[in-house]
């Protein structure tokens, strides 16, 4: 008996650079804010401060990453000759 295919959401390929930027900036901000909040580990407020700092950083960085990515790609192409 053939298996039923579950419908899956796939974003159109044209959104790939934006999805990459969102995931990359989110992960980078998560790590950086965790490092910045590390001194609070002993105070018992680490998780709340980390998540708050991550959200603020990510909301700030996401538009910058999305707007800067095409310019950075052009610069890299010029530097590498590709």
N, C-alpha and C. Protein backbone atom coordinates (compact mmCIF):
# COMPACT_ATOMS: atom_id res chain seq x y z
N UNK A 1 0.83 -1.18 0.00
CA UNK A 1 0.00 0.00 0.00
C UNK A 1 0.88 1.25 0.00
N UNK A 2 0.66 2.18 -0.91
CA UNK A 2 1.50 3.39 -0.94
C UNK A 2 1.26 4.27 0.27
N UNK A 3 2.35 4.89 0.71
CA UNK A 3 2.25 5.81 1.85
C UNK A 3 1.62 7.11 1.39
N UNK A 4 0.82 7.65 2.27
CA UNK A 4 0.22 8.95 1.97
C UNK A 4 1.28 10.03 2.16
N UNK A 5 1.31 10.94 1.24
CA UNK A 5 2.24 12.06 1.36
C UNK A 5 1.59 13.14 2.21
N UNK A 6 2.29 13.51 3.23
CA UNK A 6 1.82 14.60 4.07
C UNK A 6 2.15 15.91 3.37
N UNK A 7 1.21 16.83 3.37
CA UNK A 7 1.54 18.12 2.76
C UNK A 7 2.63 18.80 3.58
N UNK A 8 3.61 19.33 2.89
CA UNK A 8 4.68 20.03 3.60
C UNK A 8 4.80 21.44 3.02
N UNK A 9 5.13 22.34 3.90
CA UNK A 9 5.30 23.73 3.48
C UNK A 9 6.70 23.90 2.93
N UNK A 10 6.79 24.44 1.78
CA UNK A 10 8.08 24.79 1.20
C UNK A 10 7.99 26.23 0.71
N UNK A 11 8.94 27.01 1.15
CA UNK A 11 8.97 28.40 0.71
C UNK A 11 9.53 28.44 -0.71
N UNK A 12 9.06 29.35 -1.51
CA UNK A 12 9.61 29.49 -2.86
C UNK A 12 11.11 29.82 -2.81
N UNK A 13 11.84 29.35 -3.81
CA UNK A 13 13.29 29.54 -3.84
C UNK A 13 13.70 31.00 -3.80
N UNK A 14 12.84 31.88 -4.28
CA UNK A 14 13.21 33.31 -4.30
C UNK A 14 13.35 33.88 -2.88
N UNK A 15 12.82 33.18 -1.89
CA UNK A 15 12.94 33.63 -0.51
C UNK A 15 14.17 33.08 0.20
N UNK A 16 14.95 32.25 -0.48
CA UNK A 16 16.11 31.60 0.14
C UNK A 16 17.08 32.59 0.78
N UNK A 17 17.45 33.68 0.11
CA UNK A 17 18.40 34.61 0.76
C UNK A 17 17.83 35.23 2.04
N UNK A 18 16.54 35.49 2.06
CA UNK A 18 15.91 36.07 3.25
C UNK A 18 15.83 35.06 4.38
N UNK A 19 15.51 33.83 4.05
CA UNK A 19 15.47 32.78 5.07
C UNK A 19 16.86 32.52 5.64
N UNK A 20 17.85 32.49 4.75
CA UNK A 20 19.23 32.33 5.21
C UNK A 20 19.60 33.45 6.17
N UNK A 21 19.30 34.70 5.80
CA UNK A 21 19.62 35.84 6.65
C UNK A 21 18.91 35.79 7.99
N UNK A 22 17.65 35.37 7.98
CA UNK A 22 16.89 35.27 9.23
C UNK A 22 17.48 34.20 10.15
N UNK A 23 17.80 33.05 9.60
CA UNK A 23 18.36 31.96 10.41
C UNK A 23 19.76 32.32 10.88
N UNK A 24 20.58 32.84 9.99
CA UNK A 24 21.96 33.18 10.34
C UNK A 24 22.00 34.27 11.40
N UNK A 25 21.22 35.32 11.23
CA UNK A 25 21.24 36.40 12.22
C UNK A 25 20.67 35.95 13.55
N UNK A 26 19.64 35.11 13.50
CA UNK A 26 19.06 34.59 14.74
C UNK A 26 20.05 33.75 15.53
N UNK A 27 20.76 32.88 14.83
CA UNK A 27 21.75 32.03 15.50
C UNK A 27 22.92 32.84 16.03
N UNK A 28 23.41 33.77 15.23
CA UNK A 28 24.52 34.61 15.67
C UNK A 28 24.14 35.44 16.89
N UNK A 29 22.96 36.03 16.85
CA UNK A 29 22.51 36.83 18.00
C UNK A 29 22.29 35.96 19.24
N UNK A 30 21.82 34.73 19.04
CA UNK A 30 21.62 33.82 20.17
C UNK A 30 22.93 33.52 20.88
N UNK A 31 23.96 33.23 20.09
CA UNK A 31 25.27 32.92 20.67
C UNK A 31 25.88 34.16 21.32
N UNK A 32 25.86 35.29 20.60
CA UNK A 32 26.48 36.51 21.13
C UNK A 32 25.79 36.99 22.40
N UNK A 33 24.46 36.94 22.42
CA UNK A 33 23.75 37.39 23.62
C UNK A 33 23.97 36.44 24.78
N UNK A 34 24.13 35.14 24.48
CA UNK A 34 24.44 34.18 25.54
C UNK A 34 25.78 34.46 26.17
N UNK A 35 26.75 34.79 25.33
CA UNK A 35 28.08 35.14 25.85
C UNK A 35 28.01 36.42 26.67
N UNK A 36 27.28 37.41 26.18
CA UNK A 36 27.18 38.68 26.90
C UNK A 36 26.46 38.53 28.23
N UNK A 37 25.51 37.60 28.30
CA UNK A 37 24.74 37.40 29.54
C UNK A 37 25.37 36.37 30.46
N UNK A 38 26.47 35.76 30.07
CA UNK A 38 27.11 34.72 30.89
C UNK A 38 27.41 35.15 32.32
N UNK A 39 27.80 36.40 32.58
CA UNK A 39 28.05 36.79 33.97
C UNK A 39 26.81 36.66 34.87
N UNK A 40 25.63 36.57 34.29
CA UNK A 40 24.41 36.45 35.08
C UNK A 40 24.08 35.01 35.45
N UNK A 41 24.92 34.07 35.06
CA UNK A 41 24.65 32.66 35.35
C UNK A 41 24.47 32.41 36.85
N UNK A 42 25.26 33.04 37.66
CA UNK A 42 25.19 32.83 39.10
C UNK A 42 24.06 33.57 39.78
N UNK A 43 23.42 34.48 39.11
CA UNK A 43 22.38 35.31 39.72
C UNK A 43 20.98 34.72 39.58
N UNK A 44 20.83 33.71 38.74
CA UNK A 44 19.52 33.10 38.57
C UNK A 44 18.61 33.80 37.58
N UNK A 45 19.12 34.81 36.89
CA UNK A 45 18.31 35.56 35.92
C UNK A 45 18.80 35.35 34.49
N UNK A 46 19.69 34.40 34.32
CA UNK A 46 20.35 34.22 33.03
C UNK A 46 19.36 34.02 31.88
N UNK A 47 18.45 33.08 32.02
CA UNK A 47 17.57 32.72 30.91
C UNK A 47 16.70 33.90 30.47
N UNK A 48 16.11 34.59 31.41
CA UNK A 48 15.26 35.73 31.07
C UNK A 48 16.06 36.84 30.39
N UNK A 49 17.24 37.12 30.91
CA UNK A 49 18.08 38.17 30.31
C UNK A 49 18.59 37.73 28.93
N UNK A 50 18.96 36.46 28.82
CA UNK A 50 19.47 35.95 27.54
C UNK A 50 18.41 36.04 26.45
N UNK A 51 17.22 35.58 26.75
CA UNK A 51 16.15 35.61 25.74
C UNK A 51 15.76 37.05 25.38
N UNK A 52 15.73 37.91 26.37
CA UNK A 52 15.42 39.32 26.10
C UNK A 52 16.50 39.96 25.25
N UNK A 53 17.75 39.72 25.61
CA UNK A 53 18.87 40.28 24.84
C UNK A 53 18.89 39.71 23.43
N UNK A 54 18.61 38.42 23.28
CA UNK A 54 18.58 37.80 21.96
C UNK A 54 17.50 38.43 21.09
N UNK A 55 16.32 38.60 21.64
CA UNK A 55 15.21 39.15 20.86
C UNK A 55 15.51 40.57 20.41
N UNK A 56 16.03 41.39 21.30
CA UNK A 56 16.38 42.76 20.94
C UNK A 56 17.47 42.77 19.86
N UNK A 57 18.49 41.95 20.05
CA UNK A 57 19.58 41.89 19.07
C UNK A 57 19.09 41.39 17.72
N UNK A 58 18.26 40.37 17.72
CA UNK A 58 17.79 39.78 16.46
C UNK A 58 16.88 40.74 15.70
N UNK A 59 15.96 41.39 16.41
CA UNK A 59 15.07 42.35 15.75
C UNK A 59 15.88 43.51 15.17
N UNK A 60 16.97 43.86 15.83
CA UNK A 60 17.83 44.94 15.34
C UNK A 60 18.66 44.48 14.14
N UNK A 61 19.22 43.28 14.22
CA UNK A 61 20.14 42.81 13.19
C UNK A 61 19.48 42.25 11.94
N UNK A 62 18.28 41.72 12.05
CA UNK A 62 17.64 41.08 10.91
C UNK A 62 17.53 42.02 9.71
N UNK A 63 17.01 43.22 9.85
CA UNK A 63 16.95 44.09 8.67
C UNK A 63 18.32 44.47 8.13
N UNK A 64 19.29 44.61 9.02
CA UNK A 64 20.64 44.95 8.58
C UNK A 64 21.23 43.82 7.76
N UNK A 65 21.07 42.58 8.24
CA UNK A 65 21.59 41.42 7.52
C UNK A 65 20.89 41.28 6.17
N UNK A 66 19.59 41.41 6.15
CA UNK A 66 18.83 41.26 4.90
C UNK A 66 19.25 42.32 3.88
N UNK A 67 19.45 43.54 4.34
CA UNK A 67 19.84 44.61 3.42
C UNK A 67 21.32 44.53 3.03
N UNK A 68 22.17 44.10 3.92
CA UNK A 68 23.60 44.06 3.65
C UNK A 68 24.03 42.85 2.84
N UNK A 69 23.30 41.76 2.91
CA UNK A 69 23.71 40.51 2.26
C UNK A 69 24.03 40.68 0.78
N UNK A 70 23.17 41.31 -0.03
CA UNK A 70 23.52 41.46 -1.45
C UNK A 70 24.79 42.27 -1.67
N UNK A 71 25.00 43.29 -0.85
CA UNK A 71 26.21 44.10 -0.99
C UNK A 71 27.45 43.29 -0.60
N UNK A 72 27.34 42.50 0.44
CA UNK A 72 28.46 41.67 0.87
C UNK A 72 28.78 40.62 -0.19
N UNK A 73 27.75 40.03 -0.79
CA UNK A 73 27.97 39.04 -1.85
C UNK A 73 28.68 39.67 -3.04
N UNK A 74 28.30 40.88 -3.44
CA UNK A 74 28.97 41.57 -4.54
C UNK A 74 30.44 41.85 -4.19
N UNK A 75 30.68 42.29 -2.96
CA UNK A 75 32.05 42.56 -2.52
C UNK A 75 32.89 41.29 -2.56
N UNK A 76 32.34 40.20 -2.08
CA UNK A 76 33.07 38.92 -2.08
C UNK A 76 33.37 38.48 -3.52
N UNK A 77 32.41 38.66 -4.41
CA UNK A 77 32.65 38.30 -5.82
C UNK A 77 33.79 39.13 -6.41
N UNK A 78 33.84 40.41 -6.07
CA UNK A 78 34.92 41.26 -6.56
C UNK A 78 36.27 40.85 -5.99
N UNK A 79 36.28 40.54 -4.71
CA UNK A 79 37.53 40.15 -4.06
C UNK A 79 38.05 38.84 -4.60
N UNK A 80 37.14 37.89 -4.83
CA UNK A 80 37.56 36.55 -5.27
C UNK A 80 37.63 36.42 -6.78
N UNK A 81 37.12 37.39 -7.49
CA UNK A 81 37.14 37.32 -8.94
C UNK A 81 36.10 36.41 -9.54
N UNK A 82 35.11 36.03 -8.77
CA UNK A 82 34.01 35.15 -9.27
C UNK A 82 32.85 35.95 -9.77
